[in-house]
Amino acid sequence: MHLTNKTELEVLQEIGERLRAYRLQMNLAQADLATRAGVNRTTIRDIEAGKDSQLSTLVKLLRALGRLEDLDAFMPRPSVSPIQLMKLQGKPRQRARKRADG
């Protein structure tokens, strides 16, 4: 599924649907997942319905579902090419520069 052209609400709904599918795959009731994650059952219900939530809640749910390692697939650490490393003289970049065009 391509999420690029989706609205924020549609992306939240997709995340909620996927979390619900993982929960059901593990045969967990919303209340059971809420207990494991340390959140309210209504929080689970709201997230599965695509409502906005805190990022820390997502981390708690992924941990409770045993899917926290999926963050690496979701957003892998950026790698630094050897050429960039040489230009930076071995120091990782700390700031972005203002572009000349904007």
Protein backbone atom coordinates (compact mmCIF):
# COMPACT_ATOMS: atom_id res chain seq x y z
CA MET A 1 0.00 0.00 0.00
CA HIS A 2 1.34 3.39 -0.96
CA LEU A 3 0.87 5.85 1.87
CA THR A 4 2.46 8.80 0.10
CA ASN A 5 -0.79 10.14 -1.32
CA LYS A 6 -2.84 9.48 1.82
CA THR A 7 -3.98 12.17 4.21
CA GLU A 8 -2.77 12.13 7.81
CA LEU A 9 -6.17 10.76 8.86
CA GLU A 10 -5.93 7.93 6.32
CA VAL A 11 -2.43 7.04 7.51
CA LEU A 12 -3.64 6.99 11.13
CA GLN A 13 -6.52 4.73 10.09
CA GLU A 14 -4.09 2.39 8.33
CA ILE A 15 -1.87 2.23 11.42
CA GLY A 16 -4.93 1.50 13.55
CA GLU A 17 -6.06 -1.28 11.21
CA ARG A 18 -2.60 -2.85 11.26
CA LEU A 19 -2.36 -2.69 15.06
CA ARG A 20 -5.81 -4.27 15.31
CA ALA A 21 -4.75 -7.06 12.94
CA TYR A 22 -1.62 -7.77 15.03
CA ARG A 23 -3.73 -7.78 18.20
CA LEU A 24 -6.25 -10.21 16.73
CA GLN A 25 -3.45 -12.37 15.31
CA MET A 26 -2.22 -12.75 18.89
CA ASN A 27 -5.80 -13.46 20.02
CA LEU A 28 -5.77 -10.54 22.45
CA ALA A 29 -8.81 -8.59 23.55
CA GLN A 30 -8.44 -4.80 23.63
CA ALA A 31 -8.48 -4.95 27.43
CA ASP A 32 -5.67 -7.52 27.49
CA LEU A 33 -3.48 -5.46 25.18
CA ALA A 34 -4.25 -2.35 27.24
CA THR A 35 -3.08 -4.14 30.39
CA ARG A 36 0.12 -5.35 28.70
CA ALA A 37 0.85 -1.89 27.31
CA GLY A 38 -0.13 0.03 30.46
CA VAL A 39 -2.79 2.13 28.72
CA ASN A 40 -6.58 2.38 28.90
CA ARG A 41 -8.76 0.13 26.79
CA THR A 42 -10.36 3.23 25.29
CA THR A 43 -6.91 4.24 24.06
CA ILE A 44 -6.66 0.95 22.14
CA ARG A 45 -10.16 1.45 20.75
CA ASP A 46 -9.38 5.00 19.65
CA ILE A 47 -6.08 4.11 17.98
CA GLU A 48 -7.64 1.18 16.15
CA ALA A 49 -10.34 3.60 14.93
CA GLY A 50 -7.65 5.86 13.48
CA LYS A 51 -7.79 8.59 16.08
CA ASP A 52 -4.66 10.59 16.83
CA SER A 53 -2.55 9.48 19.77
CA GLN A 54 0.82 10.10 21.36
CA LEU A 55 3.88 8.53 19.81
CA SER A 56 4.81 7.07 23.21
CA THR A 57 1.53 5.14 23.15
CA LEU A 58 2.47 3.61 19.81
CA VAL A 59 5.82 2.52 21.28
CA LYS A 60 4.03 0.93 24.25
CA LEU A 61 1.64 -0.94 21.95
CA LEU A 62 4.40 -2.18 19.67
CA ARG A 63 6.34 -3.38 22.71
CA ALA A 64 3.28 -5.16 24.13
CA LEU A 65 2.64 -6.83 20.75
CA GLY A 66 6.27 -7.92 20.48
CA ARG A 67 6.67 -5.73 17.36
CA LEU A 68 8.99 -3.00 18.64
CA GLU A 69 11.76 -4.20 16.33
CA ASP A 70 9.49 -3.27 13.40
CA LEU A 71 10.57 0.33 13.95
CA ASP A 72 13.81 -0.57 12.17
CA ALA A 73 11.80 -1.43 9.06
CA PHE A 74 9.57 1.59 9.57
CA MET A 75 12.40 4.07 9.90
CA PRO A 76 15.88 2.57 9.62
CA ARG A 77 18.83 4.53 10.89
CA PRO A 78 20.21 6.70 8.12
CA SER A 79 23.56 5.54 6.91
CA VAL A 80 26.45 7.86 6.16
CA SER A 81 28.30 7.20 2.95
CA PRO A 82 32.10 7.00 3.12
CA ILE A 83 32.29 10.13 0.95
CA GLN A 84 30.02 12.09 3.30
CA LEU A 85 32.05 10.85 6.25
CA MET A 86 35.24 12.03 4.61
CA LYS A 87 33.71 15.45 3.89
CA LEU A 88 32.59 15.71 7.50
CA GLN A 89 36.06 14.62 8.65
CA GLY A 90 34.63 11.73 10.64
CA LYS A 91 32.15 13.88 12.57
CA PRO A 92 28.42 13.16 12.24
CA ARG A 93 26.31 16.01 10.91
CA GLN A 94 24.70 18.09 13.68
CA ARG A 95 22.73 20.71 11.75
CA ALA A 96 21.03 21.28 8.44
CA ARG A 97 22.13 24.17 6.30
CA LYS A 98 19.79 26.73 4.88
CA ARG A 99 19.30 26.18 1.15
CA ALA A 100 20.19 28.96 -1.26
CA ASP A 101 16.84 28.54 -3.06
CA GLY A 102 14.65 28.90 -0.01
